Amino acid sequence: MPTLLRSPATRIGAALVAIAMALVGFLPLFDGPGYESALAAGLLVPGAAAIATAIDVAAHRPLPIEAFRRGVANGALFALVAYATTLAHGLRAGFCDVLGGSAHFALGPGLGAAL
């Protein structure tokens, strides 16, 4: 199985998450870390991570523990990409409560995507 950042499925999935979160961030309520952007990321990121992991695992048939590790790594990477995109929108539009919004993001889509 290729390393995490060399996997085509991971690269495409991370790019799709970045594009989707960038588009969502232009909606009025979703322009920075907060409850709304965490909710949107929670709907987008775990599914993208699961699909990218399934494509990688199906193509290479690794041991179960390696497949689990790839799933956690994909989820963490995709959550980080979504959070970075949300922070970029916060810089663009201004932050309301960056610490509270970051906590929502970490506890919602961050953990959800990794698991």
PDB file of N, CA and C in Angstrom:
ATOM      1  N   MET A   1       0.857  -1.171   0.000  1.00  0.00           N
ATOM      2  CA  MET A   1       0.000   0.000   0.000  1.00  0.00           C
ATOM      3  C   MET A   1       0.902   1.234   0.000  1.00  0.00           C
ATOM      4  N   PRO A   2       0.609   2.216  -0.855  1.00  0.00           N
ATOM      5  CA  PRO A   2       1.463   3.411  -0.889  1.00  0.00           C
ATOM      6  C   PRO A   2       1.336   4.211   0.406  1.00  0.00           C
ATOM      7  N   THR A   3       2.333   5.038   0.666  1.00  0.00           N
ATOM      8  CA  THR A   3       2.269   5.870   1.861  1.00  0.00           C
ATOM      9  C   THR A   3       1.074   6.807   1.765  1.00  0.00           C
ATOM     10  N   LEU A   4       0.748   7.427   2.881  1.00  0.00           N
ATOM     11  CA  LEU A   4      -0.486   8.203   2.981  1.00  0.00           C
ATOM     12  C   LEU A   4      -0.575   9.292   1.920  1.00  0.00           C
ATOM     13  N   LEU A   5       0.444  10.097   1.789  1.00  0.00           N
ATOM     14  CA  LEU A   5       0.369  11.232   0.869  1.00  0.00           C
ATOM     15  C   LEU A   5       0.666  10.862  -0.578  1.00  0.00           C
ATOM     16  N   ARG A   6       1.088   9.620  -0.827  1.00  0.00           N
ATOM     17  CA  ARG A   6       1.330   9.172  -2.201  1.00  0.00           C
ATOM     18  C   ARG A   6       0.138   8.409  -2.773  1.00  0.00           C
ATOM     19  N   SER A   7      -0.849   8.153  -1.961  1.00  0.00           N
ATOM     20  CA  SER A   7      -2.023   7.422  -2.418  1.00  0.00           C
ATOM     21  C   SER A   7      -2.915   8.337  -3.263  1.00  0.00           C
ATOM     22  N   PRO A   8      -3.262   7.911  -4.476  1.00  0.00           N
ATOM     23  CA  PRO A   8      -4.140   8.748  -5.309  1.00  0.00           C
ATOM     24  C   PRO A   8      -5.512   8.974  -4.673  1.00  0.00           C
ATOM     25  N   ALA A   9      -6.057   7.959  -4.022  1.00  0.00           N
ATOM     26  CA  ALA A   9      -7.369   8.112  -3.395  1.00  0.00           C
ATOM     27  C   ALA A   9      -7.321   9.148  -2.277  1.00  0.00           C
ATOM     28  N   THR A  10      -6.243   9.156  -1.504  1.00  0.00           N
ATOM     29  CA  THR A  10      -6.110  10.127  -0.428  1.00  0.00           C
ATOM     30  C   THR A  10      -5.935  11.529  -0.981  1.00  0.00           C
ATOM     31  N   ARG A  11      -5.132  11.668  -2.008  1.00  0.00           N
ATOM     32  CA  ARG A  11      -4.926  12.996  -2.608  1.00  0.00           C
ATOM     33  C   ARG A  11      -6.227  13.549  -3.179  1.00  0.00           C
ATOM     34  N   ILE A  12      -6.945  12.733  -3.915  1.00  0.00           N
ATOM     35  CA  ILE A  12      -8.201  13.187  -4.514  1.00  0.00           C
ATOM     36  C   ILE A  12      -9.227  13.484  -3.428  1.00  0.00           C
ATOM     37  N   GLY A  13      -9.306  12.622  -2.423  1.00  0.00           N
ATOM     38  CA  GLY A  13     -10.249  12.850  -1.330  1.00  0.00           C
ATOM     39  C   GLY A  13      -9.953  14.124  -0.567  1.00  0.00           C
ATOM     40  N   ALA A  14      -8.682  14.375  -0.272  1.00  0.00           N
ATOM     41  CA  ALA A  14      -8.315  15.605   0.439  1.00  0.00           C
ATOM     42  C   ALA A  14      -8.628  16.835  -0.406  1.00  0.00           C
ATOM     43  N   ALA A  15      -8.394  16.741  -1.706  1.00  0.00           N
ATOM     44  CA  ALA A  15      -8.713  17.869  -2.588  1.00  0.00           C
ATOM     45  C   ALA A  15     -10.221  18.116  -2.632  1.00  0.00           C
ATOM     46  N   LEU A  16     -11.010  17.050  -2.682  1.00  0.00           N
ATOM     47  CA  LEU A  16     -12.463  17.215  -2.697  1.00  0.00           C
ATOM     48  C   LEU A  16     -12.977  17.799  -1.388  1.00  0.00           C
ATOM     49  N   VAL A  17     -12.398  17.383  -0.267  1.00  0.00           N
ATOM     50  CA  VAL A  17     -12.785  17.955   1.024  1.00  0.00           C
ATOM     51  C   VAL A  17     -12.436  19.436   1.067  1.00  0.00           C
ATOM     52  N   ALA A  18     -11.253  19.794   0.591  1.00  0.00           N
ATOM     53  CA  ALA A  18     -10.849  21.205   0.585  1.00  0.00           C
ATOM     54  C   ALA A  18     -11.781  22.034  -0.293  1.00  0.00           C
ATOM     55  N   ILE A  19     -12.121  21.520  -1.459  1.00  0.00           N
ATOM     56  CA  ILE A  19     -13.016  22.256  -2.361  1.00  0.00           C
ATOM     57  C   ILE A  19     -14.409  22.384  -1.755  1.00  0.00           C
ATOM     58  N   ALA A  20     -14.928  21.294  -1.202  1.00  0.00           N
ATOM     59  CA  ALA A  20     -16.266  21.327  -0.612  1.00  0.00           C
ATOM     60  C   ALA A  20     -16.331  22.290   0.569  1.00  0.00           C
ATOM     61  N   MET A  21     -15.331  22.237   1.444  1.00  0.00           N
ATOM     62  CA  MET A  21     -15.336  23.148   2.592  1.00  0.00           C
ATOM     63  C   MET A  21     -15.097  24.591   2.157  1.00  0.00           C
ATOM     64  N   ALA A  22     -14.332  24.785   1.094  1.00  0.00           N
ATOM     65  CA  ALA A  22     -14.136  26.144   0.583  1.00  0.00           C
ATOM     66  C   ALA A  22     -15.452  26.699   0.048  1.00  0.00           C
ATOM     67  N   LEU A  23     -16.215  25.880  -0.641  1.00  0.00           N
ATOM     68  CA  LEU A  23     -17.507  26.337  -1.158  1.00  0.00           C
ATOM     69  C   LEU A  23     -18.510  26.575  -0.035  1.00  0.00           C
ATOM     70  N   VAL A  24     -18.539  25.681   0.946  1.00  0.00           N
ATOM     71  CA  VAL A  24     -19.449  25.845   2.081  1.00  0.00           C
ATOM     72  C   VAL A  24     -19.093  27.104   2.867  1.00  0.00           C
ATOM     73  N   GLY A  25     -17.820  27.426   2.949  1.00  0.00           N
ATOM     74  CA  GLY A  25     -17.379  28.581   3.722  1.00  0.00           C
ATOM     75  C   GLY A  25     -17.859  29.909   3.190  1.00  0.00           C
ATOM     76  N   PHE A  26     -18.332  29.943   1.951  1.00  0.00           N
ATOM     77  CA  PHE A  26     -18.858  31.189   1.406  1.00  0.00           C
ATOM     78  C   PHE A  26     -20.315  31.422   1.780  1.00  0.00           C
ATOM     79  N   LEU A  27     -20.967  30.441   2.379  1.00  0.00           N
ATOM     80  CA  LEU A  27     -22.311  30.658   2.902  1.00  0.00           C
ATOM     81  C   LEU A  27     -22.208  31.519   4.160  1.00  0.00           C
ATOM     82  N   PRO A  28     -23.173  32.390   4.414  1.00  0.00           N
ATOM     83  CA  PRO A  28     -23.032  33.378   5.496  1.00  0.00           C
ATOM     84  C   PRO A  28     -22.753  32.802   6.884  1.00  0.00           C
ATOM     85  N   LEU A  29     -23.386  31.727   7.276  1.00  0.00           N
ATOM     86  CA  LEU A  29     -23.177  31.201   8.627  1.00  0.00           C
ATOM     87  C   LEU A  29     -21.928  30.342   8.770  1.00  0.00           C
ATOM     88  N   PHE A  30     -21.332  29.942   7.679  1.00  0.00           N
ATOM     89  CA  PHE A  30     -20.253  28.962   7.696  1.00  0.00           C
ATOM     90  C   PHE A  30     -18.874  29.580   7.487  1.00  0.00           C
ATOM     91  N   ASP A  31     -18.714  30.863   7.743  1.00  0.00           N
ATOM     92  CA  ASP A  31     -17.486  31.567   7.384  1.00  0.00           C
ATOM     93  C   ASP A  31     -16.475  31.652   8.523  1.00  0.00           C
ATOM     94  N   GLY A  32     -16.156  30.565   9.119  1.00  0.00           N
ATOM     95  CA  GLY A  32     -15.150  30.519  10.176  1.00  0.00           C
ATOM     96  C   GLY A  32     -15.440  29.358  11.099  1.00  0.00           C
ATOM     97  N   PRO A  33     -14.515  29.041  11.984  1.00  0.00           N
ATOM     98  CA  PRO A  33     -14.758  27.916  12.888  1.00  0.00           C
ATOM     99  C   PRO A  33     -15.917  28.218  13.830  1.00  0.00           C
ATOM    100  N   GLY A  34     -16.856  27.353  13.845  1.00  0.00           N
ATOM    101  CA  GLY A  34     -18.026  27.496  14.692  1.00  0.00           C
ATOM    102  C   GLY A  34     -18.876  26.245  14.595  1.00  0.00           C
ATOM    103  N   TYR A  35     -20.023  26.300  15.238  1.00  0.00           N
ATOM    104  CA  TYR A  35     -20.912  25.157  15.254  1.00  0.00           C
ATOM    105  C   TYR A  35     -21.355  24.784  13.838  1.00  0.00           C
ATOM    106  N   GLU A  36     -21.668  25.778  13.033  1.00  0.00           N
ATOM    107  CA  GLU A  36     -22.192  25.514  11.697  1.00  0.00           C
ATOM    108  C   GLU A  36     -21.156  24.847  10.796  1.00  0.00           C
ATOM    109  N   SER A  37     -19.937  25.368  10.792  1.00  0.00           N
ATOM    110  CA  SER A  37     -18.902  24.764   9.942  1.00  0.00           C
ATOM    111  C   SER A  37     -18.511  23.382  10.458  1.00  0.00           C
ATOM    112  N   ALA A  38     -18.573  23.181  11.762  1.00  0.00           N
ATOM    113  CA  ALA A  38     -18.306  21.850  12.311  1.00  0.00           C
ATOM    114  C   ALA A  38     -19.385  20.865  11.872  1.00  0.00           C
ATOM    115  N   LEU A  39     -20.619  21.331  11.826  1.00  0.00           N
ATOM    116  CA  LEU A  39     -21.711  20.475  11.365  1.00  0.00           C
ATOM    117  C   LEU A  39     -21.530  20.111   9.892  1.00  0.00           C
ATOM    118  N   ALA A  40     -21.186  21.092   9.071  1.00  0.00           N
ATOM    119  CA  ALA A  40     -20.963  20.819   7.646  1.00  0.00           C
ATOM    120  C   ALA A  40     -19.796  19.855   7.453  1.00  0.00           C
ATOM    121  N   ALA A  41     -18.719  20.063   8.182  1.00  0.00           N
ATOM    122  CA  ALA A  41     -17.564  19.164   8.067  1.00  0.00           C
ATOM    123  C   ALA A  41     -17.915  17.770   8.575  1.00  0.00           C
ATOM    124  N   GLY A  42     -18.733  17.698   9.604  1.00  0.00           N
ATOM    125  CA  GLY A  42     -19.155  16.401  10.115  1.00  0.00           C
ATOM    126  C   GLY A  42     -19.987  15.615   9.120  1.00  0.00           C
ATOM    127  N   LEU A  43     -20.660  16.319   8.223  1.00  0.00           N
ATOM    128  CA  LEU A  43     -21.424  15.641   7.177  1.00  0.00           C
ATOM    129  C   LEU A  43     -20.550  15.232   5.993  1.00  0.00           C
ATOM    130  N   LEU A  44     -19.489  15.980   5.728  1.00  0.00           N
ATOM    131  CA  LEU A  44     -18.669  15.739   4.540  1.00  0.00           C
ATOM    132  C   LEU A  44     -17.437  14.869   4.792  1.00  0.00           C
ATOM    133  N   VAL A  45     -16.712  15.165   5.851  1.00  0.00           N
ATOM    134  CA  VAL A  45     -15.372  14.592   6.032  1.00  0.00           C
ATOM    135  C   VAL A  45     -15.377  13.090   6.340  1.00  0.00           C
ATOM    136  N   PRO A  46     -16.186  12.589   7.263  1.00  0.00           N
ATOM    137  CA  PRO A  46     -16.110  11.144   7.549  1.00  0.00           C
ATOM    138  C   PRO A  46     -16.431  10.264   6.339  1.00  0.00           C
ATOM    139  N   GLY A  47     -17.399  10.661   5.544  1.00  0.00           N
ATOM    140  CA  GLY A  47     -17.720   9.878   4.352  1.00  0.00           C
ATOM    141  C   GLY A  47     -16.591   9.872   3.338  1.00  0.00           C
ATOM    142  N   ALA A  48     -15.971  11.030   3.151  1.00  0.00           N
ATOM    143  CA  ALA A  48     -14.845  11.109   2.218  1.00  0.00           C
ATOM    144  C   ALA A  48     -13.677  10.260   2.706  1.00  0.00           C
ATOM    145  N   ALA A  49     -13.419  10.292   4.006  1.00  0.00           N
ATOM    146  CA  ALA A  49     -12.332   9.482   4.562  1.00  0.00           C
ATOM    147  C   ALA A  49     -12.631   7.992   4.419  1.00  0.00           C
ATOM    148  N   ALA A  50     -13.872   7.610   4.645  1.00  0.00           N
ATOM    149  CA  ALA A  50     -14.246   6.197   4.516  1.00  0.00           C
ATOM    150  C   ALA A  50     -14.119   5.717   3.073  1.00  0.00           C
ATOM    151  N   ILE A  51     -14.535   6.539   2.130  1.00  0.00           N
ATOM    152  CA  ILE A  51     -14.452   6.145   0.722  1.00  0.00           C
ATOM    153  C   ILE A  51     -12.999   6.038   0.271  1.00  0.00           C
ATOM    154  N   ALA A  52     -12.179   7.017   0.635  1.00  0.00           N
ATOM    155  CA  ALA A  52     -10.758   6.971   0.249  1.00  0.00           C
ATOM    156  C   ALA A  52     -10.066   5.760   0.865  1.00  0.00           C
ATOM    157  N   THR A  53     -10.386   5.462   2.113  1.00  0.00           N
ATOM    158  CA  THR A  53      -9.785   4.305   2.771  1.00  0.00           C
ATOM    159  C   THR A  53     -10.245   3.009   2.114  1.00  0.00           C
ATOM    160  N   ALA A  54     -11.525   2.925   1.777  1.00  0.00           N
ATOM    161  CA  ALA A  54     -12.037   1.715   1.131  1.00  0.00           C
ATOM    162  C   ALA A  54     -11.369   1.479  -0.221  1.00  0.00           C
ATOM    163  N   ILE A  55     -11.134   2.540  -0.968  1.00  0.00           N
ATOM    164  CA  ILE A  55     -10.466   2.395  -2.265  1.00  0.00           C
ATOM    165  C   ILE A  55      -9.035   1.902  -2.072  1.00  0.00           C
ATOM    166  N   ASP A  56      -8.320   2.486  -1.101  1.00  0.00           N
ATOM    167  CA  ASP A  56      -6.948   2.048  -0.825  1.00  0.00           C
ATOM    168  C   ASP A  56      -6.897   0.591  -0.376  1.00  0.00           C
ATOM    169  N   VAL A  57      -7.772   0.238   0.539  1.00  0.00           N
ATOM    170  CA  VAL A  57      -7.749  -1.109   1.117  1.00  0.00           C
ATOM    171  C   VAL A  57      -8.164  -2.148   0.079  1.00  0.00           C
ATOM    172  N   ALA A  58      -9.143  -1.833  -0.736  1.00  0.00           N
ATOM    173  CA  ALA A  58      -9.595  -2.790  -1.749  1.00  0.00           C
ATOM    174  C   ALA A  58      -8.523  -3.047  -2.797  1.00  0.00           C
ATOM    175  N   ALA A  59      -7.733  -2.050  -3.087  1.00  0.00           N
ATOM    176  CA  ALA A  59      -6.715  -2.200  -4.126  1.00  0.00           C
ATOM    177  C   ALA A  59      -5.493  -2.980  -3.649  1.00  0.00           C
ATOM    178  N   HIS A  60      -5.203  -2.945  -2.348  1.00  0.00           N
ATOM    179  CA  HIS A  60      -3.938  -3.516  -1.881  1.00  0.00           C
ATOM    180  C   HIS A  60      -4.082  -4.652  -0.871  1.00  0.00           C
ATOM    181  N   ARG A  61      -5.255  -4.856  -0.309  1.00  0.00           N
ATOM    182  CA  ARG A  61      -5.512  -5.955   0.639  1.00  0.00           C
ATOM    183  C   ARG A  61      -4.480  -6.038   1.770  1.00  0.00           C
ATOM    184  N   PRO A  62      -4.342  -4.994   2.588  1.00  0.00           N
ATOM    185  CA  PRO A  62      -3.377  -5.052   3.691  1.00  0.00           C
ATOM    186  C   PRO A  62      -3.939  -5.860   4.865  1.00  0.00           C
ATOM    187  N   LEU A  63      -3.107  -6.050   5.876  1.00  0.00           N
ATOM    188  CA  LEU A  63      -3.572  -6.668   7.117  1.00  0.00           C
ATOM    189  C   LEU A  63      -4.642  -5.774   7.745  1.00  0.00           C
ATOM    190  N   PRO A  64      -5.551  -6.355   8.540  1.00  0.00           N
ATOM    191  CA  PRO A  64      -6.620  -5.552   9.132  1.00  0.00           C
ATOM    192  C   PRO A  64      -6.114  -4.374   9.972  1.00  0.00           C
ATOM    193  N   ILE A  65      -5.042  -4.563  10.733  1.00  0.00           N
ATOM    194  CA  ILE A  65      -4.543  -3.458  11.556  1.00  0.00           C
ATOM    195  C   ILE A  65      -3.987  -2.340  10.680  1.00  0.00           C
ATOM    196  N   GLU A  66      -3.390  -2.699   9.548  1.00  0.00           N
ATOM    197  CA  GLU A  66      -2.890  -1.679   8.612  1.00  0.00           C
ATOM    198  C   GLU A  66      -4.048  -0.924   7.962  1.00  0.00           C
ATOM    199  N   ALA A  67      -5.116  -1.636   7.655  1.00  0.00           N
ATOM    200  CA  ALA A  67      -6.295  -0.976   7.093  1.00  0.00           C
ATOM    201  C   ALA A  67      -6.905  -0.013   8.110  1.00  0.00           C
ATOM    202  N   PHE A  68      -6.947  -0.429   9.373  1.00  0.00           N
ATOM    203  CA  PHE A  68      -7.462   0.441  10.432  1.00  0.00           C
ATOM    204  C   PHE A  68      -6.590   1.685  10.580  1.00  0.00           C
ATOM    205  N   ARG A  69      -5.281   1.489  10.577  1.00  0.00           N
ATOM    206  CA  ARG A  69      -4.361   2.632  10.680  1.00  0.00           C
ATOM    207  C   ARG A  69      -4.545   3.592   9.512  1.00  0.00           C
ATOM    208  N   ARG A  70      -4.728   3.053   8.322  1.00  0.00           N
ATOM    209  CA  ARG A  70      -4.931   3.924   7.153  1.00  0.00           C
ATOM    210  C   ARG A  70      -6.230   4.715   7.301  1.00  0.00           C
ATOM    211  N   GLY A  71      -7.259   4.078   7.832  1.00  0.00           N
ATOM    212  CA  GLY A  71      -8.523   4.779   8.041  1.00  0.00           C
ATOM    213  C   GLY A  71      -8.396   5.918   9.036  1.00  0.00           C
ATOM    214  N   VAL A  72      -7.700   5.679  10.132  1.00  0.00           N
ATOM    215  CA  VAL A  72      -7.490   6.737  11.129  1.00  0.00           C
ATOM    216  C   VAL A  72      -6.642   7.859  10.544  1.00  0.00           C
ATOM    217  N   ALA A  73      -5.602   7.494   9.803  1.00  0.00           N
ATOM    218  CA  ALA A  73      -4.729   8.514   9.203  1.00  0.00           C
ATOM    219  C   ALA A  73      -5.475   9.335   8.155  1.00  0.00           C
ATOM    220  N   ASN A  74      -6.261   8.681   7.313  1.00  0.00           N
ATOM    221  CA  ASN A  74      -7.057   9.419   6.327  1.00  0.00           C
ATOM    222  C   ASN A  74      -8.042  10.356   7.009  1.00  0.00           C
ATOM    223  N   GLY A  75      -8.721   9.867   8.031  1.00  0.00           N
ATOM    224  CA  GLY A  75      -9.680  10.707   8.742  1.00  0.00           C
ATOM    225  C   GLY A  75      -9.028  11.912   9.387  1.00  0.00           C
ATOM    226  N   ALA A  76      -7.879  11.699  10.017  1.00  0.00           N
ATOM    227  CA  ALA A  76      -7.180  12.822  10.645  1.00  0.00           C
ATOM    228  C   ALA A  76      -6.693  13.825   9.604  1.00  0.00           C
ATOM    229  N   LEU A  77      -6.167  13.336   8.499  1.00  0.00           N
ATOM    230  CA  LEU A  77      -5.698  14.233   7.436  1.00  0.00           C
ATOM    231  C   LEU A  77      -6.853  15.031   6.844  1.00  0.00           C
ATOM    232  N   PHE A  78      -7.960  14.386   6.561  1.00  0.00           N
ATOM    233  CA  PHE A  78      -9.101  15.083   5.969  1.00  0.00           C
ATOM    234  C   PHE A  78      -9.690  16.093   6.949  1.00  0.00           C
ATOM    235  N   ALA A  79      -9.734  15.748   8.231  1.00  0.00           N
ATOM    236  CA  ALA A  79     -10.222  16.709   9.223  1.00  0.00           C
ATOM    237  C   ALA A  79      -9.291  17.911   9.315  1.00  0.00           C
ATOM    238  N   LEU A  80      -7.998  17.682   9.227  1.00  0.00           N
ATOM    239  CA  LEU A  80      -7.037  18.786   9.253  1.00  0.00           C
ATOM    240  C   LEU A  80      -7.198  19.682   8.025  1.00  0.00           C
ATOM    241  N   VAL A  81      -7.423  19.093   6.872  1.00  0.00           N
ATOM    242  CA  VAL A  81      -7.651  19.876   5.649  1.00  0.00           C
ATOM    243  C   VAL A  81      -8.921  20.717   5.791  1.00  0.00           C
ATOM    244  N   ALA A  82      -9.983  20.123   6.308  1.00  0.00           N
ATOM    245  CA  ALA A  82     -11.236  20.859   6.491  1.00  0.00           C
ATOM    246  C   ALA A  82     -11.066  21.982   7.507  1.00  0.00           C
ATOM    247  N   TYR A  83     -10.325  21.727   8.581  1.00  0.00           N
ATOM    248  CA  TYR A  83     -10.108  22.755   9.600  1.00  0.00           C
ATOM    249  C   TYR A  83      -9.265  23.899   9.049  1.00  0.00           C
ATOM    250  N   ALA A  84      -8.242  23.577   8.266  1.00  0.00           N
ATOM    251  CA  ALA A  84      -7.411  24.628   7.666  1.00  0.00           C
ATOM    252  C   ALA A  84      -8.242  25.488   6.716  1.00  0.00           C
ATOM    253  N   THR A  85      -9.130  24.860   5.969  1.00  0.00           N
ATOM    254  CA  THR A  85     -10.004  25.620   5.076  1.00  0.00           C
ATOM    255  C   THR A  85     -10.933  26.522   5.873  1.00  0.00           C
ATOM    256  N   THR A  86     -11.444  26.020   6.985  1.00  0.00           N
ATOM    257  CA  THR A  86     -12.314  26.821   7.835  1.00  0.00           C
ATOM    258  C   THR A  86     -11.553  27.994   8.445  1.00  0.00           C
ATOM    259  N   LEU A  87     -10.315  27.764   8.856  1.00  0.00           N
ATOM    260  CA  LEU A  87      -9.506  28.866   9.383  1.00  0.00           C
ATOM    261  C   LEU A  87      -9.231  29.915   8.312  1.00  0.00           C
ATOM    262  N   ALA A  88      -9.022  29.481   7.081  1.00  0.00           N
ATOM    263  CA  ALA A  88      -8.815  30.438   5.988  1.00  0.00           C
ATOM    264  C   ALA A  88     -10.053  31.307   5.793  1.00  0.00           C
ATOM    265  N   HIS A  89     -11.227  30.710   5.899  1.00  0.00           N
ATOM    266  CA  HIS A  89     -12.453  31.504   5.803  1.00  0.00           C
ATOM    267  C   HIS A  89     -12.601  32.426   7.007  1.00  0.00           C
ATOM    268  N   GLY A  90     -12.156  31.983   8.162  1.00  0.00           N
ATOM    269  CA  GLY A  90     -12.183  32.867   9.322  1.00  0.00           C
ATOM    270  C   GLY A  90     -11.286  34.078   9.135  1.00  0.00           C
ATOM    271  N   LEU A  91     -10.131  33.880   8.528  1.00  0.00           N
ATOM    272  CA  LEU A  91      -9.250  35.012   8.234  1.00  0.00           C
ATOM    273  C   LEU A  91      -9.887  35.955   7.214  1.00  0.00           C
ATOM    274  N   ARG A  92     -10.634  35.389   6.289  1.00  0.00           N
ATOM    275  CA  ARG A  92     -11.288  36.194   5.260  1.00  0.00           C
ATOM    276  C   ARG A  92     -12.432  37.019   5.838  1.00  0.00           C
ATOM    277  N   ALA A  93     -13.277  36.394   6.649  1.00  0.00           N
ATOM    278  CA  ALA A  93     -14.500  37.043   7.110  1.00  0.00           C
ATOM    279  C   ALA A  93     -14.424  37.539   8.547  1.00  0.00           C
ATOM    280  N   GLY A  94     -13.432  37.108   9.289  1.00  0.00           N
ATOM    281  CA  GLY A  94     -13.326  37.490  10.693  1.00  0.00           C
ATOM    282  C   GLY A  94     -13.802  36.366  11.602  1.00  0.00           C
ATOM    283  N   PHE A  95     -13.180  36.303  12.758  1.00  0.00           N
ATOM    284  CA  PHE A  95     -13.504  35.257  13.721  1.00  0.00           C
ATOM    285  C   PHE A  95     -14.500  35.781  14.744  1.00  0.00           C
ATOM    286  N   CYS A  96     -15.393  34.934  15.168  1.00  0.00           N
ATOM    287  CA  CYS A  96     -16.314  35.284  16.236  1.00  0.00           C
ATOM    288  C   CYS A  96     -15.804  34.692  17.550  1.00  0.00           C
ATOM    289  N   ASP A  97     -15.667  33.390  17.596  1.00  0.00           N
ATOM    290  CA  ASP A  97     -15.166  32.695  18.782  1.00  0.00           C
ATOM    291  C   ASP A  97     -14.281  31.550  18.302  1.00  0.00           C
ATOM    292  N   VAL A  98     -13.021  31.859  18.067  1.00  0.00           N
ATOM    293  CA  VAL A  98     -12.134  30.877  17.445  1.00  0.00           C
ATOM    294  C   VAL A  98     -11.874  29.681  18.363  1.00  0.00           C
ATOM    295  N   LEU A  99     -11.761  29.890  19.657  1.00  0.00           N
ATOM    296  CA  LEU A  99     -11.493  28.765  20.562  1.00  0.00           C
ATOM    297  C   LEU A  99     -12.707  27.858  20.707  1.00  0.00           C
ATOM    298  N   GLY A 100     -13.862  28.440  20.873  1.00  0.00           N
ATOM    299  CA  GLY A 100     -15.077  27.638  20.975  1.00  0.00           C
ATOM    300  C   GLY A 100     -15.378  26.898  19.685  1.00  0.00           C
ATOM    301  N   GLY A 101     -15.210  27.587  18.562  1.00  0.00           N
ATOM    302  CA  GLY A 101     -15.430  26.949  17.269  1.00  0.00           C
ATOM    303  C   GLY A 101     -14.434  25.843  16.996  1.00  0.00           C
ATOM    304  N   SER A 102     -13.199  26.058  17.428  1.00  0.00           N
ATOM    305  CA  SER A 102     -12.181  25.020  17.250  1.00  0.00           C
ATOM    306  C   SER A 102     -12.490  23.802  18.112  1.00  0.00           C
ATOM    307  N   ALA A 103     -13.020  24.038  19.298  1.00  0.00           N
ATOM    308  CA  ALA A 103     -13.412  22.914  20.155  1.00  0.00           C
ATOM    309  C   ALA A 103     -14.552  22.125  19.515  1.00  0.00           C
ATOM    310  N   HIS A 104     -15.539  22.830  18.964  1.00  0.00           N
ATOM    311  CA  HIS A 104     -16.625  22.141  18.249  1.00  0.00           C
ATOM    312  C   HIS A 104     -16.068  21.315  17.097  1.00  0.00           C
ATOM    313  N   PHE A 105     -15.124  21.890  16.384  1.00  0.00           N
ATOM    314  CA  PHE A 105     -14.557  21.205  15.226  1.00  0.00           C
ATOM    315  C   PHE A 105     -13.748  19.983  15.655  1.00  0.00           C
ATOM    316  N   ALA A 106     -12.962  20.120  16.713  1.00  0.00           N
ATOM    317  CA  ALA A 106     -12.128  19.001  17.168  1.00  0.00           C
ATOM    318  C   ALA A 106     -12.979  17.850  17.705  1.00  0.00           C
ATOM    319  N   LEU A 107     -14.010  18.184  18.470  1.00  0.00           N
ATOM    320  CA  LEU A 107     -14.825  17.142  19.088  1.00  0.00           C
ATOM    321  C   LEU A 107     -15.855  16.541  18.135  1.00  0.00           C
ATOM    322  N   GLY A 108     -16.235  17.281  17.105  1.00  0.00           N
ATOM    323  CA  GLY A 108     -17.216  16.772  16.153  1.00  0.00           C
ATOM    324  C   GLY A 108     -16.557  16.058  14.990  1.00  0.00           C
ATOM    325  N   PRO A 109     -16.296  16.788  13.912  1.00  0.00           N
ATOM    326  CA  PRO A 109     -15.732  16.132  12.728  1.00  0.00           C
ATOM    327  C   PRO A 109     -14.302  15.646  12.908  1.00  0.00           C
ATOM    328  N   GLY A 110     -13.545  16.250  13.811  1.00  0.00           N
ATOM    329  CA  GLY A 110     -12.170  15.789  14.026  1.00  0.00           C
ATOM    330  C   GLY A 110     -12.131  14.358  14.526  1.00  0.00           C
ATOM    331  N   LEU A 111     -12.834  14.110  15.617  1.00  0.00           N
ATOM    332  CA  LEU A 111     -12.875  12.747  16.158  1.00  0.00           C
ATOM    333  C   LEU A 111     -13.724  11.820  15.290  1.00  0.00           C
ATOM    334  N   GLY A 112     -14.800  12.356  14.731  1.00  0.00           N
ATOM    335  CA  GLY A 112     -15.671  11.526  13.900  1.00  0.00           C
ATOM    336  C   GLY A 112     -14.976  11.003  12.658  1.00  0.00           C
ATOM    337  N   ALA A 113     -14.176  11.842  12.042  1.00  0.00           N
ATOM    338  CA  ALA A 113     -13.476  11.408  10.833  1.00  0.00           C
ATOM    339  C   ALA A 113     -12.361  10.427  11.159  1.00  0.00           C
ATOM    340  N   ALA A 114     -11.707  10.619  12.282  1.00  0.00           N
ATOM    341  CA  ALA A 114     -10.616   9.714  12.654  1.00  0.00           C
ATOM    342  C   ALA A 114     -11.141   8.334  13.049  1.00  0.00           C
ATOM    343  N   LEU A 115     -12.329   8.286  13.583  1.00  0.00           N
ATOM    344  CA  LEU A 115     -12.881   6.994  13.984  1.00  0.00           C
ATOM    345  C   LEU A 115     -13.692   6.389  12.869  1.00  0.00           C
TER     346      LEU A 115
END
